[in-house]
Amino acid sequence: MSKNHRSVTALQAARESPTLARLADLSDESKARLRSIGVLIPKGLQNSIQAGPIEGPVWCLILENNAVAAKLRQLIPAIQAHLRSKGWEVTSIRLKVQMSSPAA
């Protein structure tokens, strides 16, 4: 018996597996949400924020440092209202500061 091996990209493989496809869809949605709220985020902070996981009505943003987190905490009510106006039901936004490793 000969096996037919075909080469596929990681994206193609993800789309063919229901579980991986769901994760890819959530990742795409998280990135779309981040693009959507870009109008609310000060320009100087936009490169310090990454789209994080979506867990039901809870969305996580990954932040570069505590100063970015402090500013975003002030904006959470406006961000949630904006997301709801776009059809995303977000009841909570978690802010997670990504710890960078110390320079060697």
N, C-alpha and C. Protein backbone atom coordinates (compact mmCIF):
# COMPACT_ATOMS: atom_id res chain seq x y z
N MET A 1 0.82 -1.19 0.00
CA MET A 1 0.00 0.00 0.00
C MET A 1 0.86 1.24 0.00
N SER A 2 0.55 2.11 -0.88
CA SER A 2 1.29 3.36 -0.93
C SER A 2 0.42 4.48 -0.36
N LYS A 3 1.03 5.27 0.46
CA LYS A 3 0.31 6.41 1.04
C LYS A 3 0.52 7.63 0.17
N ASN A 4 -0.53 8.38 -0.01
CA ASN A 4 -0.45 9.60 -0.80
C ASN A 4 -0.15 10.76 0.15
N HIS A 5 1.04 11.25 0.11
CA HIS A 5 1.43 12.37 0.94
C HIS A 5 1.32 13.65 0.11
N ARG A 6 0.61 14.59 0.65
CA ARG A 6 0.54 15.87 -0.04
C ARG A 6 0.95 16.96 0.94
N SER A 7 1.59 17.92 0.42
CA SER A 7 2.05 18.99 1.27
C SER A 7 0.95 20.04 1.40
N VAL A 8 0.72 20.48 2.63
CA VAL A 8 -0.29 21.51 2.88
C VAL A 8 0.32 22.55 3.81
N THR A 9 -0.20 23.74 3.71
CA THR A 9 0.25 24.81 4.61
C THR A 9 -0.40 24.60 5.97
N ALA A 10 0.14 25.25 6.97
CA ALA A 10 -0.44 25.18 8.31
C ALA A 10 -1.87 25.71 8.29
N LEU A 11 -2.12 26.76 7.52
CA LEU A 11 -3.46 27.32 7.43
C LEU A 11 -4.43 26.32 6.82
N GLN A 12 -4.00 25.62 5.77
CA GLN A 12 -4.87 24.61 5.15
C GLN A 12 -5.18 23.49 6.13
N ALA A 13 -4.16 23.04 6.86
CA ALA A 13 -4.36 21.98 7.84
C ALA A 13 -5.32 22.44 8.94
N ALA A 14 -5.17 23.67 9.37
CA ALA A 14 -6.06 24.20 10.40
C ALA A 14 -7.49 24.24 9.92
N ARG A 15 -7.70 24.64 8.69
CA ARG A 15 -9.06 24.74 8.14
C ARG A 15 -9.72 23.37 7.97
N GLU A 16 -8.90 22.32 7.84
CA GLU A 16 -9.45 20.98 7.64
C GLU A 16 -9.77 20.28 8.96
N SER A 17 -9.31 20.79 10.06
CA SER A 17 -9.61 20.23 11.38
C SER A 17 -10.62 21.15 12.07
N PRO A 18 -11.77 20.63 12.48
CA PRO A 18 -12.79 21.50 13.11
C PRO A 18 -12.26 22.28 14.31
N THR A 19 -11.47 21.62 15.16
CA THR A 19 -10.95 22.29 16.34
C THR A 19 -9.97 23.39 15.96
N LEU A 20 -9.04 23.06 15.08
CA LEU A 20 -8.07 24.06 14.65
C LEU A 20 -8.74 25.17 13.85
N ALA A 21 -9.75 24.83 13.07
CA ALA A 21 -10.48 25.84 12.30
C ALA A 21 -11.15 26.83 13.24
N ARG A 22 -11.72 26.33 14.34
CA ARG A 22 -12.38 27.21 15.31
C ARG A 22 -11.35 28.15 15.95
N LEU A 23 -10.19 27.62 16.29
CA LEU A 23 -9.13 28.46 16.86
C LEU A 23 -8.66 29.52 15.87
N ALA A 24 -8.53 29.14 14.61
CA ALA A 24 -8.12 30.10 13.57
C ALA A 24 -9.18 31.19 13.42
N ASP A 25 -10.47 30.79 13.45
CA ASP A 25 -11.56 31.77 13.36
C ASP A 25 -11.53 32.74 14.53
N LEU A 26 -11.30 32.22 15.75
CA LEU A 26 -11.22 33.09 16.92
C LEU A 26 -10.04 34.05 16.84
N SER A 27 -8.92 33.56 16.32
CA SER A 27 -7.75 34.42 16.15
C SER A 27 -8.05 35.54 15.15
N ASP A 28 -8.70 35.18 14.05
CA ASP A 28 -9.07 36.19 13.04
C ASP A 28 -10.04 37.22 13.64
N GLU A 29 -11.01 36.73 14.42
CA GLU A 29 -11.98 37.65 15.03
C GLU A 29 -11.30 38.58 16.03
N SER A 30 -10.36 38.05 16.81
CA SER A 30 -9.66 38.87 17.79
C SER A 30 -8.87 39.98 17.09
N LYS A 31 -8.23 39.65 15.99
CA LYS A 31 -7.48 40.65 15.22
C LYS A 31 -8.43 41.69 14.62
N ALA A 32 -9.60 41.26 14.17
CA ALA A 32 -10.60 42.19 13.62
C ALA A 32 -11.10 43.14 14.70
N ARG A 33 -11.30 42.61 15.90
CA ARG A 33 -11.72 43.47 17.02
C ARG A 33 -10.67 44.53 17.30
N LEU A 34 -9.40 44.11 17.32
CA LEU A 34 -8.32 45.05 17.60
C LEU A 34 -8.27 46.14 16.53
N ARG A 35 -8.41 45.75 15.27
CA ARG A 35 -8.44 46.75 14.19
C ARG A 35 -9.61 47.71 14.39
N SER A 36 -10.74 47.18 14.80
CA SER A 36 -11.94 47.98 14.99
C SER A 36 -11.77 49.04 16.07
N ILE A 37 -11.09 48.69 17.15
CA ILE A 37 -10.94 49.66 18.26
C ILE A 37 -9.77 50.60 18.04
N GLY A 38 -9.06 50.43 16.95
CA GLY A 38 -7.91 51.29 16.67
C GLY A 38 -8.25 52.78 16.68
N VAL A 39 -9.49 53.11 16.32
CA VAL A 39 -9.90 54.52 16.31
C VAL A 39 -9.98 55.09 17.72
N LEU A 40 -10.06 54.23 18.73
CA LEU A 40 -10.17 54.69 20.12
C LEU A 40 -8.83 54.74 20.85
N ILE A 41 -7.83 54.09 20.29
CA ILE A 41 -6.53 53.96 20.94
C ILE A 41 -5.59 55.07 20.46
N PRO A 42 -4.95 55.78 21.39
CA PRO A 42 -3.98 56.80 20.97
C PRO A 42 -2.90 56.18 20.07
N LYS A 43 -2.53 56.90 19.03
CA LYS A 43 -1.58 56.41 18.03
C LYS A 43 -0.30 55.86 18.66
N GLY A 44 0.20 56.53 19.68
CA GLY A 44 1.45 56.12 20.32
C GLY A 44 1.37 54.79 21.04
N LEU A 45 0.17 54.31 21.31
CA LEU A 45 0.01 53.04 22.03
C LEU A 45 -0.34 51.87 21.13
N GLN A 46 -0.73 52.14 19.91
CA GLN A 46 -1.25 51.08 19.04
C GLN A 46 -0.27 49.94 18.80
N ASN A 47 1.01 50.24 18.70
CA ASN A 47 2.00 49.18 18.47
C ASN A 47 2.34 48.41 19.73
N SER A 48 1.78 48.83 20.86
CA SER A 48 2.05 48.18 22.15
C SER A 48 0.94 47.23 22.56
N ILE A 49 -0.02 47.00 21.67
CA ILE A 49 -1.19 46.17 21.98
C ILE A 49 -1.31 45.06 20.94
N GLN A 50 -1.55 43.85 21.43
CA GLN A 50 -1.77 42.70 20.54
C GLN A 50 -3.12 42.08 20.86
N ALA A 51 -3.74 41.52 19.85
CA ALA A 51 -5.00 40.81 20.05
C ALA A 51 -4.72 39.52 20.80
N GLY A 52 -5.53 39.26 21.82
CA GLY A 52 -5.39 38.04 22.61
C GLY A 52 -6.57 37.11 22.42
N PRO A 53 -6.65 36.10 23.27
CA PRO A 53 -7.70 35.10 23.10
C PRO A 53 -9.10 35.62 23.41
N ILE A 54 -10.08 34.98 22.79
CA ILE A 54 -11.49 35.23 23.05
C ILE A 54 -12.01 33.99 23.76
N GLU A 55 -12.63 34.22 24.92
CA GLU A 55 -13.23 33.11 25.68
C GLU A 55 -14.66 33.49 25.98
N GLY A 56 -15.56 33.11 25.09
CA GLY A 56 -16.96 33.50 25.24
C GLY A 56 -17.09 35.01 25.13
N PRO A 57 -17.71 35.65 26.13
CA PRO A 57 -17.88 37.10 26.08
C PRO A 57 -16.68 37.89 26.63
N VAL A 58 -15.60 37.17 26.95
CA VAL A 58 -14.40 37.80 27.51
C VAL A 58 -13.32 37.85 26.44
N TRP A 59 -12.75 39.04 26.26
CA TRP A 59 -11.68 39.24 25.28
C TRP A 59 -10.44 39.71 26.02
N CYS A 60 -9.30 39.21 25.63
CA CYS A 60 -8.04 39.57 26.26
C CYS A 60 -7.18 40.37 25.30
N LEU A 61 -6.58 41.43 25.83
CA LEU A 61 -5.60 42.21 25.07
C LEU A 61 -4.24 42.02 25.74
N ILE A 62 -3.23 41.80 24.94
CA ILE A 62 -1.87 41.60 25.44
C ILE A 62 -1.11 42.90 25.24
N LEU A 63 -0.57 43.39 26.35
CA LEU A 63 0.02 44.73 26.36
C LEU A 63 1.52 44.67 26.63
N GLU A 64 2.21 45.68 26.13
CA GLU A 64 3.66 45.74 26.24
C GLU A 64 4.14 46.08 27.66
N ASN A 65 3.39 46.94 28.36
CA ASN A 65 3.84 47.35 29.69
C ASN A 65 2.67 47.87 30.53
N ASN A 66 2.96 48.17 31.79
CA ASN A 66 1.93 48.61 32.73
C ASN A 66 1.38 50.00 32.39
N ALA A 67 2.16 50.84 31.77
CA ALA A 67 1.68 52.17 31.39
C ALA A 67 0.57 52.06 30.34
N VAL A 68 0.73 51.14 29.40
CA VAL A 68 -0.30 50.90 28.39
C VAL A 68 -1.55 50.35 29.07
N ALA A 69 -1.36 49.44 30.01
CA ALA A 69 -2.50 48.88 30.75
C ALA A 69 -3.26 49.96 31.50
N ALA A 70 -2.55 50.89 32.12
CA ALA A 70 -3.20 51.96 32.88
C ALA A 70 -4.06 52.83 31.96
N LYS A 71 -3.56 53.15 30.79
CA LYS A 71 -4.33 53.97 29.85
C LYS A 71 -5.55 53.20 29.33
N LEU A 72 -5.34 51.92 28.99
CA LEU A 72 -6.45 51.14 28.44
C LEU A 72 -7.55 50.91 29.47
N ARG A 73 -7.19 50.79 30.74
CA ARG A 73 -8.22 50.64 31.78
C ARG A 73 -9.21 51.79 31.72
N GLN A 74 -8.73 52.98 31.42
CA GLN A 74 -9.60 54.15 31.31
C GLN A 74 -10.51 54.06 30.09
N LEU A 75 -10.06 53.36 29.06
CA LEU A 75 -10.80 53.29 27.80
C LEU A 75 -11.75 52.09 27.70
N ILE A 76 -11.69 51.18 28.66
CA ILE A 76 -12.48 49.94 28.56
C ILE A 76 -13.97 50.19 28.33
N PRO A 77 -14.63 51.10 29.05
CA PRO A 77 -16.07 51.31 28.78
C PRO A 77 -16.34 51.74 27.33
N ALA A 78 -15.51 52.62 26.80
CA ALA A 78 -15.69 53.06 25.41
C ALA A 78 -15.39 51.93 24.43
N ILE A 79 -14.39 51.12 24.73
CA ILE A 79 -14.04 49.99 23.86
C ILE A 79 -15.18 48.99 23.83
N GLN A 80 -15.73 48.66 25.00
CA GLN A 80 -16.84 47.71 25.05
C GLN A 80 -18.06 48.24 24.28
N ALA A 81 -18.37 49.50 24.46
CA ALA A 81 -19.51 50.09 23.76
C ALA A 81 -19.28 50.05 22.24
N HIS A 82 -18.07 50.36 21.82
CA HIS A 82 -17.73 50.33 20.39
C HIS A 82 -17.88 48.92 19.82
N LEU A 83 -17.36 47.94 20.55
CA LEU A 83 -17.45 46.56 20.08
C LEU A 83 -18.90 46.10 19.98
N ARG A 84 -19.72 46.46 20.97
CA ARG A 84 -21.14 46.11 20.93
C ARG A 84 -21.82 46.76 19.72
N SER A 85 -21.43 47.99 19.41
CA SER A 85 -22.04 48.67 18.26
C SER A 85 -21.67 47.98 16.94
N LYS A 86 -20.58 47.22 16.96
CA LYS A 86 -20.14 46.49 15.77
C LYS A 86 -20.66 45.04 15.75
N GLY A 87 -21.44 44.68 16.79
CA GLY A 87 -22.04 43.35 16.82
C GLY A 87 -21.31 42.31 17.65
N TRP A 88 -20.24 42.69 18.32
CA TRP A 88 -19.51 41.75 19.17
C TRP A 88 -19.98 41.94 20.60
N GLU A 89 -20.47 40.88 21.22
CA GLU A 89 -20.93 40.96 22.61
C GLU A 89 -19.75 40.66 23.53
N VAL A 90 -19.15 41.72 24.03
CA VAL A 90 -18.00 41.61 24.93
C VAL A 90 -18.42 42.16 26.28
N THR A 91 -18.49 41.28 27.28
CA THR A 91 -18.91 41.72 28.61
C THR A 91 -17.72 42.08 29.49
N SER A 92 -16.55 41.62 29.09
CA SER A 92 -15.36 41.89 29.90
C SER A 92 -14.12 41.90 29.00
N ILE A 93 -13.19 42.78 29.33
CA ILE A 93 -11.92 42.83 28.62
C ILE A 93 -10.82 42.64 29.65
N ARG A 94 -10.03 41.60 29.45
CA ARG A 94 -8.88 41.35 30.33
C ARG A 94 -7.65 42.00 29.71
N LEU A 95 -6.86 42.62 30.54
CA LEU A 95 -5.61 43.23 30.09
C LEU A 95 -4.47 42.42 30.68
N LYS A 96 -3.61 41.93 29.82
CA LYS A 96 -2.50 41.09 30.26
C LYS A 96 -1.20 41.72 29.80
N VAL A 97 -0.35 42.07 30.76
CA VAL A 97 0.94 42.67 30.44
C VAL A 97 1.92 41.54 30.14
N GLN A 98 2.52 41.61 28.96
CA GLN A 98 3.49 40.60 28.54
C GLN A 98 4.84 40.95 29.16
N MET A 99 5.34 40.07 29.96
CA MET A 99 6.62 40.31 30.61
C MET A 99 7.74 40.00 29.63
N SER A 100 8.62 40.96 29.44
CA SER A 100 9.75 40.72 28.54
C SER A 100 10.92 40.17 29.36
N SER A 101 11.72 39.35 28.72
CA SER A 101 12.87 38.78 29.42
C SER A 101 13.96 39.85 29.56
N PRO A 102 14.69 39.84 30.67
CA PRO A 102 15.75 40.85 30.87
C PRO A 102 16.85 40.70 29.83
N ALA A 103 17.42 41.82 29.46
CA ALA A 103 18.50 41.82 28.47
C ALA A 103 19.73 41.12 29.05
N ALA A 104 20.41 40.37 28.23
CA ALA A 104 21.59 39.63 28.69
C ALA A 104 22.82 40.47 28.58
